Amino acid sequence: MSKKIMAVILLFILLLAGCSGGMSDESKSSSDMGAKTESMDYSESNDVSFSEGEKDSALENNQSDDGKAKTNAAEAAIVRMVIYNAELNLRVKNFEKARNALEQKAKSYKGYIVNSSSSRYDGEQQSGTMTFRIPQEHFQAFLTDAEGLSVQVYNRQVSGEDVTEEYVDLESRLKSKRVVEARLLEFMKQAQKTEDLLKISSDLANVQEEIEQVLGRKKFLENQSALATVTISLEENAVSVPKIDNDNLNTWQKIKKQFADNINILLSAGSGIIVFLIGNLPILLIVGFMVSAIIFFVRKYAKRPENNDIDSNS
């Protein structure tokens, strides 16, 4: 009986030692977890400035598997984005009619003209260049209509640039930048030191500038893919025959004009003579008196020899 009692007592002691050891391990692990939690809270409250690597790691931690799946599904659902450009060189019968018809076609397709220029060579034939922006769904129809207005198509060049991959990449970058911006704004609310606040403000300004650049590029790609660019060069085929200008054949009007011009010349000359005579009258009187006196004396002395010759002959 004594041996059995001793064995039970030893077994009871061993069970008590095991329970106390397990409780001490649990207390240690709980204390360690509390210390880790406190250190994490401290690091989050004090370490407000971080590098780009920390930003990227924080972003990766925030993305869940469900978020990644949704992103991949959204990327797969995006319609292909292609930027179309076309160049046409056309010969037309009448430049003005073809230009007006192209402008009306562009308006009917809800497009618009970007620029237009024209020139005339040899004094008769016209040529010019027009650039249109046409919605992508009407791109091929507009090209067909433009070719239908021509007598001959010299050149037709159509090109397309697929920018879907770049657009999807911009979407991903924009989402990443938005997340970083939100985290920086949250850190700015928690910052207490001036130097931390300045550092966060600088990082936030850089991130917002990058967001604006991404948004600008996105809008550019959306506009370029939504509207195709079509450049059309027109050259007139037939030589236009000049019409008779009736304005240049108005004979009666020309006679009246010529007669009036001559009357004006005579009146101007007569007015000049009258002004000259009246204005210079004193001088003219003196000069006339002197000339008359000279003529008188010359004639008087010229008659005397003739009288002497007559007396001698008699």
C-alpha atoms as a PDB file:
ATOM      1  CA  MET A   1       0.000   0.000   0.000  1.00  0.00           C
ATOM      2  CA  SER A   2       2.814   2.425   0.773  1.00  0.00           C
ATOM      3  CA  LYS A   3       4.385   1.962  -2.694  1.00  0.00           C
ATOM      4  CA  LYS A   4       1.109   2.675  -4.466  1.00  0.00           C
ATOM      5  CA  ILE A   5       0.533   5.786  -2.408  1.00  0.00           C
ATOM      6  CA  MET A   6       4.015   7.038  -3.188  1.00  0.00           C
ATOM      7  CA  ALA A   7       3.509   6.479  -6.958  1.00  0.00           C
ATOM      8  CA  VAL A   8       0.228   8.450  -6.917  1.00  0.00           C
ATOM      9  CA  ILE A   9       1.869  11.315  -5.066  1.00  0.00           C
ATOM     10  CA  LEU A  10       4.762  11.440  -7.584  1.00  0.00           C
ATOM     11  CA  LEU A  11       2.335  11.431 -10.511  1.00  0.00           C
ATOM     12  CA  PHE A  12       0.344  14.277  -8.952  1.00  0.00           C
ATOM     13  CA  ILE A  13       3.539  16.335  -8.469  1.00  0.00           C
ATOM     14  CA  LEU A  14       4.553  15.809 -12.104  1.00  0.00           C
ATOM     15  CA  LEU A  15       1.141  16.966 -13.334  1.00  0.00           C
ATOM     16  CA  LEU A  16       1.366  20.121 -11.215  1.00  0.00           C
ATOM     17  CA  ALA A  17       4.848  20.928 -12.627  1.00  0.00           C
ATOM     18  CA  GLY A  18       3.636  20.515 -16.220  1.00  0.00           C
ATOM     19  CA  CYS A  19       0.696  22.849 -15.717  1.00  0.00           C
ATOM     20  CA  SER A  20       2.846  25.554 -14.136  1.00  0.00           C
ATOM     21  CA  GLY A  21       5.351  25.356 -17.008  1.00  0.00           C
ATOM     22  CA  GLY A  22       2.617  25.711 -19.647  1.00  0.00           C
ATOM     23  CA  MET A  23       1.173  28.720 -17.869  1.00  0.00           C
ATOM     24  CA  SER A  24       4.574  30.404 -17.717  1.00  0.00           C
ATOM     25  CA  ASP A  25       5.120  29.808 -21.459  1.00  0.00           C
ATOM     26  CA  GLU A  26       1.737  31.316 -22.264  1.00  0.00           C
ATOM     27  CA  SER A  27       2.483  34.339 -20.101  1.00  0.00           C
ATOM     28  CA  LYS A  28       5.821  34.781 -21.827  1.00  0.00           C
ATOM     29  CA  SER A  29       4.300  34.568 -25.320  1.00  0.00           C
ATOM     30  CA  SER A  30       1.551  37.007 -24.384  1.00  0.00           C
ATOM     31  CA  SER A  31       4.100  39.428 -22.976  1.00  0.00           C
ATOM     32  CA  ASP A  32       6.205  39.095 -26.139  1.00  0.00           C
ATOM     33  CA  MET A  33       3.170  39.800 -28.344  1.00  0.00           C
ATOM     34  CA  GLY A  34       2.317  42.836 -26.259  1.00  0.00           C
ATOM     35  CA  ALA A  35       5.841  44.146 -26.667  1.00  0.00           C
ATOM     36  CA  LYS A  36       5.686  43.581 -30.419  1.00  0.00           C
ATOM     37  CA  THR A  37       2.352  45.378 -30.600  1.00  0.00           C
ATOM     38  CA  GLU A  38       3.690  48.301 -28.642  1.00  0.00           C
ATOM     39  CA  SER A  39       6.781  48.508 -30.890  1.00  0.00           C
ATOM     40  CA  MET A  40       4.587  48.418 -33.992  1.00  0.00           C
ATOM     41  CA  ASP A  41       2.362  51.168 -32.642  1.00  0.00           C
ATOM     42  CA  TYR A  42       5.381  53.249 -31.841  1.00  0.00           C
ATOM     43  CA  SER A  43       6.936  52.778 -35.247  1.00  0.00           C
ATOM     44  CA  GLU A  44       3.662  53.719 -36.928  1.00  0.00           C
ATOM     45  CA  SER A  45       3.224  56.805 -34.767  1.00  0.00           C
ATOM     46  CA  ASN A  46       6.808  58.064 -35.043  1.00  0.00           C
ATOM     47  CA  ASP A  47       8.208  56.856 -38.378  1.00  0.00           C
ATOM     48  CA  VAL A  48       6.162  59.210 -40.602  1.00  0.00           C
ATOM     49  CA  SER A  49       8.761  59.783 -43.335  1.00  0.00           C
ATOM     50  CA  PHE A  50       9.525  56.818 -45.506  1.00  0.00           C
ATOM     51  CA  SER A  51      11.279  55.966 -48.748  1.00  0.00           C
ATOM     52  CA  GLU A  52       9.870  54.860 -52.068  1.00  0.00           C
ATOM     53  CA  GLY A  53      10.639  51.222 -51.224  1.00  0.00           C
ATOM     54  CA  GLU A  54       8.570  51.461 -48.061  1.00  0.00           C
ATOM     55  CA  LYS A  55       5.722  53.053 -50.049  1.00  0.00           C
ATOM     56  CA  ASP A  56       5.744  50.182 -52.556  1.00  0.00           C
ATOM     57  CA  SER A  57       5.882  47.538 -49.811  1.00  0.00           C
ATOM     58  CA  ALA A  58       2.990  49.217 -48.019  1.00  0.00           C
ATOM     59  CA  LEU A  59       1.015  49.243 -51.238  1.00  0.00           C
ATOM     60  CA  GLU A  60       1.694  45.545 -51.844  1.00  0.00           C
ATOM     61  CA  ASN A  61       0.568  44.674 -48.330  1.00  0.00           C
ATOM     62  CA  ASN A  62      -2.701  46.564 -48.844  1.00  0.00           C
ATOM     63  CA  GLN A  63      -3.594  44.736 -52.061  1.00  0.00           C
ATOM     64  CA  SER A  64      -5.537  41.576 -51.344  1.00  0.00           C
ATOM     65  CA  ASP A  65      -6.047  38.608 -53.596  1.00  0.00           C
ATOM     66  CA  ASP A  66      -9.607  39.706 -54.322  1.00  0.00           C
ATOM     67  CA  GLY A  67      -8.373  43.174 -55.358  1.00  0.00           C
ATOM     68  CA  LYS A  68      -5.844  41.671 -57.750  1.00  0.00           C
ATOM     69  CA  ALA A  69      -8.503  39.476 -59.283  1.00  0.00           C
ATOM     70  CA  LYS A  70     -10.790  42.468 -59.811  1.00  0.00           C
ATOM     71  CA  THR A  71      -7.963  44.458 -61.395  1.00  0.00           C
ATOM     72  CA  ASN A  72      -7.129  41.655 -63.822  1.00  0.00           C
ATOM     73  CA  ALA A  73     -10.803  41.304 -64.744  1.00  0.00           C
ATOM     74  CA  ALA A  74     -11.115  45.060 -65.363  1.00  0.00           C
ATOM     75  CA  GLU A  75      -8.005  45.061 -67.544  1.00  0.00           C
ATOM     76  CA  ALA A  76      -9.372  42.171 -69.585  1.00  0.00           C
ATOM     77  CA  ALA A  77     -12.682  44.018 -70.066  1.00  0.00           C
ATOM     78  CA  ILE A  78     -11.062  47.193 -71.508  1.00  0.00           C
ATOM     79  CA  VAL A  79     -11.807  47.750 -75.190  1.00  0.00           C
ATOM     80  CA  ARG A  80      -8.787  47.957 -77.465  1.00  0.00           C
ATOM     81  CA  MET A  81      -7.654  51.568 -77.895  1.00  0.00           C
ATOM     82  CA  VAL A  82      -6.172  52.351 -81.327  1.00  0.00           C
ATOM     83  CA  ILE A  83      -5.054  55.748 -82.637  1.00  0.00           C
ATOM     84  CA  TYR A  84      -5.869  56.008 -86.361  1.00  0.00           C
ATOM     85  CA  ASN A  85      -4.257  58.396 -88.852  1.00  0.00           C
ATOM     86  CA  ALA A  86      -4.937  58.676 -92.579  1.00  0.00           C
ATOM     87  CA  GLU A  87      -3.524  60.683 -95.490  1.00  0.00           C
ATOM     88  CA  LEU A  88      -5.271  61.105 -98.852  1.00  0.00           C
ATOM     89  CA  ASN A  89      -4.026  62.860-102.003  1.00  0.00           C
ATOM     90  CA  LEU A  90      -6.975  63.495-104.328  1.00  0.00           C
ATOM     91  CA  ARG A  91      -7.518  65.111-107.711  1.00  0.00           C
ATOM     92  CA  VAL A  92     -10.950  66.754-107.980  1.00  0.00           C
ATOM     93  CA  LYS A  93     -12.919  68.511-110.715  1.00  0.00           C
ATOM     94  CA  ASN A  94     -13.734  71.612-108.698  1.00  0.00           C
ATOM     95  CA  PHE A  95     -11.709  72.557-105.633  1.00  0.00           C
ATOM     96  CA  GLU A  96     -14.331  74.769-103.960  1.00  0.00           C
ATOM     97  CA  LYS A  97     -17.134  72.223-104.333  1.00  0.00           C
ATOM     98  CA  ALA A  98     -14.960  69.396-103.025  1.00  0.00           C
ATOM     99  CA  ARG A  99     -13.814  71.431-100.027  1.00  0.00           C
ATOM    100  CA  ASN A 100     -17.376  72.425 -99.094  1.00  0.00           C
ATOM    101  CA  ALA A 101     -18.568  68.831 -99.497  1.00  0.00           C
ATOM    102  CA  LEU A 102     -15.809  67.517 -97.199  1.00  0.00           C
ATOM    103  CA  GLU A 103     -16.652  70.095 -94.532  1.00  0.00           C
ATOM    104  CA  GLN A 104     -20.331  69.099 -94.655  1.00  0.00           C
ATOM    105  CA  LYS A 105     -19.427  65.395 -94.423  1.00  0.00           C
ATOM    106  CA  ALA A 106     -17.259  66.026 -91.359  1.00  0.00           C
ATOM    107  CA  LYS A 107     -20.105  67.905 -89.644  1.00  0.00           C
ATOM    108  CA  SER A 108     -22.584  65.144 -90.448  1.00  0.00           C
ATOM    109  CA  TYR A 109     -20.251  62.619 -88.770  1.00  0.00           C
ATOM    110  CA  LYS A 110     -19.889  64.923 -85.708  1.00  0.00           C
ATOM    111  CA  GLY A 111     -16.286  65.695 -86.592  1.00  0.00           C
ATOM    112  CA  TYR A 112     -14.576  69.008 -87.101  1.00  0.00           C
ATOM    113  CA  ILE A 113     -11.874  70.642 -89.212  1.00  0.00           C
ATOM    114  CA  VAL A 114      -8.519  71.385 -87.567  1.00  0.00           C
ATOM    115  CA  ASN A 115      -6.884  73.492 -90.270  1.00  0.00           C
ATOM    116  CA  SER A 116      -7.319  74.361 -93.929  1.00  0.00           C
ATOM    117  CA  SER A 117      -5.090  76.053 -96.495  1.00  0.00           C
ATOM    118  CA  SER A 118      -5.368  76.718-100.225  1.00  0.00           C
ATOM    119  CA  SER A 119      -3.328  78.268-103.027  1.00  0.00           C
ATOM    120  CA  ARG A 120      -3.737  79.116-106.703  1.00  0.00           C
ATOM    121  CA  TYR A 121      -1.048  78.443-109.308  1.00  0.00           C
ATOM    122  CA  ASP A 122      -0.835  79.545-112.936  1.00  0.00           C
ATOM    123  CA  GLY A 123      -3.523  82.053-112.042  1.00  0.00           C
ATOM    124  CA  GLU A 124      -6.258  79.433-112.445  1.00  0.00           C
ATOM    125  CA  GLN A 125      -5.890  75.994-110.830  1.00  0.00           C
ATOM    126  CA  GLN A 126      -6.359  75.646-107.065  1.00  0.00           C
ATOM    127  CA  SER A 127      -4.918  73.218-104.548  1.00  0.00           C
ATOM    128  CA  GLY A 128      -5.004  72.908-100.781  1.00  0.00           C
ATOM    129  CA  THR A 129      -4.750  70.746 -97.669  1.00  0.00           C
ATOM    130  CA  MET A 130      -7.362  70.037 -94.989  1.00  0.00           C
ATOM    131  CA  THR A 131      -7.052  68.202 -91.663  1.00  0.00           C
ATOM    132  CA  PHE A 132     -10.101  66.676 -89.961  1.00  0.00           C
ATOM    133  CA  ARG A 133     -10.815  64.956 -86.626  1.00  0.00           C
ATOM    134  CA  ILE A 134     -13.464  62.278 -87.159  1.00  0.00           C
ATOM    135  CA  PRO A 135     -15.033  59.955 -84.553  1.00  0.00           C
ATOM    136  CA  GLN A 136     -13.488  56.521 -84.838  1.00  0.00           C
ATOM    137  CA  GLU A 137     -16.771  54.783 -85.623  1.00  0.00           C
ATOM    138  CA  HIS A 138     -17.173  56.970 -88.762  1.00  0.00           C
ATOM    139  CA  PHE A 139     -13.517  56.850 -89.804  1.00  0.00           C
ATOM    140  CA  GLN A 140     -13.842  54.361 -92.687  1.00  0.00           C
ATOM    141  CA  ALA A 141     -17.106  55.905 -93.916  1.00  0.00           C
ATOM    142  CA  PHE A 142     -15.507  59.345 -94.121  1.00  0.00           C
ATOM    143  CA  LEU A 143     -12.551  57.987 -96.101  1.00  0.00           C
ATOM    144  CA  THR A 144     -14.937  56.291 -98.541  1.00  0.00           C
ATOM    145  CA  ASP A 145     -16.950  59.507 -98.990  1.00  0.00           C
ATOM    146  CA  ALA A 146     -13.795  61.556 -99.545  1.00  0.00           C
ATOM    147  CA  GLU A 147     -12.550  59.177-102.226  1.00  0.00           C
ATOM    148  CA  GLY A 148     -15.992  59.324-103.884  1.00  0.00           C
ATOM    149  CA  LEU A 149     -15.598  63.064-104.419  1.00  0.00           C
ATOM    150  CA  SER A 150     -12.334  62.661-106.323  1.00  0.00           C
ATOM    151  CA  VAL A 151     -11.483  62.026-109.958  1.00  0.00           C
ATOM    152  CA  GLN A 152      -8.324  60.149-109.035  1.00  0.00           C
ATOM    153  CA  VAL A 153      -6.716  58.986-105.786  1.00  0.00           C
ATOM    154  CA  TYR A 154      -2.967  59.578-105.915  1.00  0.00           C
ATOM    155  CA  ASN A 155      -2.115  58.271-102.470  1.00  0.00           C
ATOM    156  CA  ARG A 156      -3.970  56.559 -99.606  1.00  0.00           C
ATOM    157  CA  GLN A 157      -2.150  55.807 -96.380  1.00  0.00           C
ATOM    158  CA  VAL A 158      -3.852  54.556 -93.191  1.00  0.00           C
ATOM    159  CA  SER A 159      -1.990  53.727 -89.969  1.00  0.00           C
ATOM    160  CA  GLY A 160      -3.034  52.652 -86.481  1.00  0.00           C
ATOM    161  CA  GLU A 161      -1.223  52.586 -83.137  1.00  0.00           C
ATOM    162  CA  ASP A 162      -2.491  50.274 -80.395  1.00  0.00           C
ATOM    163  CA  VAL A 163      -2.140  52.055 -77.037  1.00  0.00           C
ATOM    164  CA  THR A 164      -4.236  49.670 -74.925  1.00  0.00           C
ATOM    165  CA  GLU A 165      -1.247  48.349 -72.997  1.00  0.00           C
ATOM    166  CA  GLU A 166      -0.014  51.841 -72.193  1.00  0.00           C
ATOM    167  CA  TYR A 167      -3.508  52.899 -71.086  1.00  0.00           C
ATOM    168  CA  VAL A 168      -3.863  49.894 -68.759  1.00  0.00           C
ATOM    169  CA  ASP A 169      -0.427  50.622 -67.320  1.00  0.00           C
ATOM    170  CA  LEU A 170      -1.466  54.221 -66.689  1.00  0.00           C
ATOM    171  CA  GLU A 171      -4.588  52.996 -64.881  1.00  0.00           C
ATOM    172  CA  SER A 172      -2.479  50.790 -62.599  1.00  0.00           C
ATOM    173  CA  ARG A 173      -0.016  53.577 -61.932  1.00  0.00           C
ATOM    174  CA  LEU A 174      -2.844  55.951 -61.129  1.00  0.00           C
ATOM    175  CA  LYS A 175      -4.351  53.547 -58.590  1.00  0.00           C
ATOM    176  CA  SER A 176      -0.947  53.092 -56.945  1.00  0.00           C
ATOM    177  CA  LYS A 177      -0.374  56.823 -56.749  1.00  0.00           C
ATOM    178  CA  ARG A 178      -3.855  57.347 -55.284  1.00  0.00           C
ATOM    179  CA  VAL A 179      -3.112  54.841 -52.513  1.00  0.00           C
ATOM    180  CA  VAL A 180       0.217  56.510 -51.730  1.00  0.00           C
ATOM    181  CA  GLU A 181      -1.488  59.899 -51.711  1.00  0.00           C
ATOM    182  CA  ALA A 182      -4.106  58.671 -49.218  1.00  0.00           C
ATOM    183  CA  ARG A 183      -1.431  57.223 -46.917  1.00  0.00           C
ATOM    184  CA  LEU A 184       0.568  60.469 -47.035  1.00  0.00           C
ATOM    185  CA  LEU A 185      -2.517  62.469 -46.147  1.00  0.00           C
ATOM    186  CA  GLU A 186      -3.133  60.133 -43.200  1.00  0.00           C
ATOM    187  CA  PHE A 187       0.467  60.494 -42.017  1.00  0.00           C
ATOM    188  CA  MET A 188       0.179  64.267 -42.342  1.00  0.00           C
ATOM    189  CA  LYS A 189      -2.741  64.218 -39.903  1.00  0.00           C
ATOM    190  CA  GLN A 190      -0.686  62.207 -37.403  1.00  0.00           C
ATOM    191  CA  ALA A 191       2.566  64.194 -37.777  1.00  0.00           C
ATOM    192  CA  GLN A 192       3.500  66.386 -34.814  1.00  0.00           C
ATOM    193  CA  LYS A 193       7.021  67.538 -35.672  1.00  0.00           C
ATOM    194  CA  THR A 194       7.660  70.363 -38.132  1.00  0.00           C
ATOM    195  CA  GLU A 195      10.407  68.510 -40.004  1.00  0.00           C
ATOM    196  CA  ASP A 196       8.159  65.470 -40.426  1.00  0.00           C
ATOM    197  CA  LEU A 197       5.359  67.676 -41.718  1.00  0.00           C
ATOM    198  CA  LEU A 198       7.684  69.328 -44.248  1.00  0.00           C
ATOM    199  CA  LYS A 199       8.991  65.966 -45.459  1.00  0.00           C
ATOM    200  CA  ILE A 200       5.484  64.580 -45.897  1.00  0.00           C
ATOM    201  CA  SER A 201       4.348  67.754 -47.715  1.00  0.00           C
ATOM    202  CA  SER A 202       7.256  67.428 -50.146  1.00  0.00           C
ATOM    203  CA  ASP A 203       6.489  63.756 -50.823  1.00  0.00           C
ATOM    204  CA  LEU A 204       2.804  64.549 -51.226  1.00  0.00           C
ATOM    205  CA  ALA A 205       3.525  67.323 -53.745  1.00  0.00           C
ATOM    206  CA  ASN A 206       5.677  64.947 -55.819  1.00  0.00           C
ATOM    207  CA  VAL A 207       3.012  62.247 -55.786  1.00  0.00           C
ATOM    208  CA  GLN A 208       0.271  64.696 -56.772  1.00  0.00           C
ATOM    209  CA  GLU A 209       2.416  66.008 -59.622  1.00  0.00           C
ATOM    210  CA  GLU A 210       2.895  62.460 -60.885  1.00  0.00           C
ATOM    211  CA  ILE A 211      -0.875  61.915 -60.646  1.00  0.00           C
ATOM    212  CA  GLU A 212      -1.503  65.002 -62.797  1.00  0.00           C
ATOM    213  CA  GLN A 213       0.980  63.761 -65.396  1.00  0.00           C
ATOM    214  CA  VAL A 214      -0.683  60.356 -65.530  1.00  0.00           C
ATOM    215  CA  LEU A 215      -4.136  61.942 -65.846  1.00  0.00           C
ATOM    216  CA  GLY A 216      -2.924  64.224 -68.648  1.00  0.00           C
ATOM    217  CA  ARG A 217      -1.475  61.320 -70.588  1.00  0.00           C
ATOM    218  CA  LYS A 218      -4.682  59.325 -70.092  1.00  0.00           C
ATOM    219  CA  LYS A 219      -6.822  62.164 -71.447  1.00  0.00           C
ATOM    220  CA  PHE A 220      -4.511  62.534 -74.442  1.00  0.00           C
ATOM    221  CA  LEU A 221      -4.758  58.842 -75.312  1.00  0.00           C
ATOM    222  CA  GLU A 222      -8.535  58.878 -74.850  1.00  0.00           C
ATOM    223  CA  ASN A 223      -8.896  61.882 -77.178  1.00  0.00           C
ATOM    224  CA  GLN A 224      -6.536  60.524 -79.818  1.00  0.00           C
ATOM    225  CA  SER A 225      -8.194  57.104 -79.862  1.00  0.00           C
ATOM    226  CA  ALA A 226     -11.739  58.500 -79.843  1.00  0.00           C
ATOM    227  CA  LEU A 227     -11.109  60.805 -82.846  1.00  0.00           C
ATOM    228  CA  ALA A 228      -9.123  59.765 -85.912  1.00  0.00           C
ATOM    229  CA  THR A 229      -6.961  62.315 -87.755  1.00  0.00           C
ATOM    230  CA  VAL A 230      -7.494  62.566 -91.519  1.00  0.00           C
ATOM    231  CA  THR A 231      -5.316  64.803 -93.719  1.00  0.00           C
ATOM    232  CA  ILE A 232      -6.596  65.359 -97.272  1.00  0.00           C
ATOM    233  CA  SER A 233      -4.670  67.106-100.059  1.00  0.00           C
ATOM    234  CA  LEU A 234      -6.827  68.383-102.926  1.00  0.00           C
ATOM    235  CA  GLU A 235      -5.675  69.332-106.416  1.00  0.00           C
ATOM    236  CA  GLU A 236      -7.981  70.741-109.072  1.00  0.00           C
ATOM    237  CA  ASN A 237      -8.165  68.742-112.292  1.00  0.00           C
ATOM    238  CA  ALA A 238      -9.802  70.965-114.931  1.00  0.00           C
ATOM    239  CA  VAL A 239      -8.542  74.423-115.854  1.00  0.00           C
ATOM    240  CA  SER A 240     -11.234  76.940-114.989  1.00  0.00           C
ATOM    241  CA  VAL A 241     -12.259  79.242-117.883  1.00  0.00           C
ATOM    242  CA  PRO A 242     -12.395  82.894-116.812  1.00  0.00           C
ATOM    243  CA  LYS A 243     -15.764  84.610-117.206  1.00  0.00           C
ATOM    244  CA  ILE A 244     -16.364  87.885-119.075  1.00  0.00           C
ATOM    245  CA  ASP A 245     -16.057  90.760-116.671  1.00  0.00           C
ATOM    246  CA  ASN A 246     -18.841  93.199-117.557  1.00  0.00           C
ATOM    247  CA  ASP A 247     -17.517  95.723-115.091  1.00  0.00           C
ATOM    248  CA  ASN A 248     -14.349  96.155-117.141  1.00  0.00           C
ATOM    249  CA  LEU A 249     -16.381  96.650-120.375  1.00  0.00           C
ATOM    250  CA  ASN A 250     -18.396  99.720-119.262  1.00  0.00           C
ATOM    251  CA  THR A 251     -17.457 102.049-122.158  1.00  0.00           C
ATOM    252  CA  TRP A 252     -19.792 104.959-121.353  1.00  0.00           C
ATOM    253  CA  GLN A 253     -18.496 105.208-117.830  1.00  0.00           C
ATOM    254  CA  LYS A 254     -14.926 105.207-119.102  1.00  0.00           C
ATOM    255  CA  ILE A 255     -15.744 108.059-121.599  1.00  0.00           C
ATOM    256  CA  LYS A 256     -17.268 110.191-118.870  1.00  0.00           C
ATOM    257  CA  LYS A 257     -14.286 109.570-116.653  1.00  0.00           C
ATOM    258  CA  GLN A 258     -11.826 110.484-119.397  1.00  0.00           C
ATOM    259  CA  PHE A 259     -13.787 113.668-120.297  1.00  0.00           C
ATOM    260  CA  ALA A 260     -13.899 114.722-116.644  1.00  0.00           C
ATOM    261  CA  ASP A 261     -10.171 114.104-116.305  1.00  0.00           C
ATOM    262  CA  ASN A 262      -9.418 116.349-119.328  1.00  0.00           C
ATOM    263  CA  ILE A 263     -11.722 119.141-118.073  1.00  0.00           C
ATOM    264  CA  ASN A 264      -9.939 118.977-114.740  1.00  0.00           C
ATOM    265  CA  ILE A 265      -6.567 119.282-116.510  1.00  0.00           C
ATOM    266  CA  LEU A 266      -7.724 122.342-118.503  1.00  0.00           C
ATOM    267  CA  LEU A 267      -9.238 124.019-115.474  1.00  0.00           C
ATOM    268  CA  SER A 268      -6.096 123.354-113.508  1.00  0.00           C
ATOM    269  CA  ALA A 269      -3.912 124.815-116.289  1.00  0.00           C
ATOM    270  CA  GLY A 270      -6.164 127.884-116.687  1.00  0.00           C
ATOM    271  CA  SER A 271      -6.177 128.446-112.946  1.00  0.00           C
ATOM    272  CA  GLY A 272      -2.389 128.267-112.922  1.00  0.00           C
ATOM    273  CA  ILE A 273      -2.075 130.829-115.732  1.00  0.00           C
ATOM    274  CA  ILE A 274      -4.470 133.266-114.051  1.00  0.00           C
ATOM    275  CA  VAL A 275      -2.645 132.950-110.753  1.00  0.00           C
ATOM    276  CA  PHE A 276       0.676 133.530-112.515  1.00  0.00           C
ATOM    277  CA  LEU A 277      -0.515 136.655-114.389  1.00  0.00           C
ATOM    278  CA  ILE A 278      -2.287 138.315-111.477  1.00  0.00           C
ATOM    279  CA  GLY A 279       0.361 137.395-108.962  1.00  0.00           C
ATOM    280  CA  ASN A 280       3.214 138.710-111.164  1.00  0.00           C
ATOM    281  CA  LEU A 281       1.321 141.721-112.619  1.00  0.00           C
ATOM    282  CA  PRO A 282       3.661 144.478-111.253  1.00  0.00           C
ATOM    283  CA  ILE A 283       6.733 142.793-112.653  1.00  0.00           C
ATOM    284  CA  LEU A 284       5.005 142.071-115.951  1.00  0.00           C
ATOM    285  CA  LEU A 285       3.973 145.753-116.295  1.00  0.00           C
ATOM    286  CA  ILE A 286       7.509 146.975-115.706  1.00  0.00           C
ATOM    287  CA  VAL A 287       8.969 144.436-118.105  1.00  0.00           C
ATOM    288  CA  GLY A 288       6.307 145.260-120.699  1.00  0.00           C
ATOM    289  CA  PHE A 289       7.018 149.004-120.412  1.00  0.00           C
ATOM    290  CA  MET A 290      10.744 148.462-120.842  1.00  0.00           C
ATOM    291  CA  VAL A 291      10.264 146.194-123.852  1.00  0.00           C
ATOM    292  CA  SER A 292       7.876 148.680-125.424  1.00  0.00           C
ATOM    293  CA  ALA A 293      10.371 151.540-124.941  1.00  0.00           C
ATOM    294  CA  ILE A 294      13.179 149.545-126.482  1.00  0.00           C
ATOM    295  CA  ILE A 295      11.058 148.651-129.471  1.00  0.00           C
ATOM    296  CA  PHE A 296      10.018 152.298-129.895  1.00  0.00           C
ATOM    297  CA  PHE A 297      13.565 153.622-129.900  1.00  0.00           C
ATOM    298  CA  VAL A 298      14.772 150.875-132.203  1.00  0.00           C
ATOM    299  CA  ARG A 299      12.108 151.669-134.775  1.00  0.00           C
ATOM    300  CA  LYS A 300      12.743 155.439-134.474  1.00  0.00           C
ATOM    301  CA  TYR A 301      16.455 155.153-135.128  1.00  0.00           C
ATOM    302  CA  ALA A 302      15.855 152.657-137.899  1.00  0.00           C
ATOM    303  CA  LYS A 303      13.681 155.163-139.862  1.00  0.00           C
ATOM    304  CA  ARG A 304      16.248 158.010-139.842  1.00  0.00           C
ATOM    305  CA  PRO A 305      18.772 156.486-142.317  1.00  0.00           C
ATOM    306  CA  GLU A 306      15.970 155.684-144.692  1.00  0.00           C
ATOM    307  CA  ASN A 307      14.856 159.378-144.694  1.00  0.00           C
ATOM    308  CA  ASN A 308      18.428 160.602-145.328  1.00  0.00           C
ATOM    309  CA  ASP A 309      18.786 158.307-148.336  1.00  0.00           C
ATOM    310  CA  ILE A 310      15.564 159.625-149.814  1.00  0.00           C
ATOM    311  CA  ASP A 311      16.737 163.291-149.477  1.00  0.00           C
ATOM    312  CA  SER A 312      20.105 162.602-151.147  1.00  0.00           C
ATOM    313  CA  ASN A 313      18.512 160.874-154.078  1.00  0.00           C
ATOM    314  CA  SER A 314      16.207 163.752-154.718  1.00  0.00           C
END
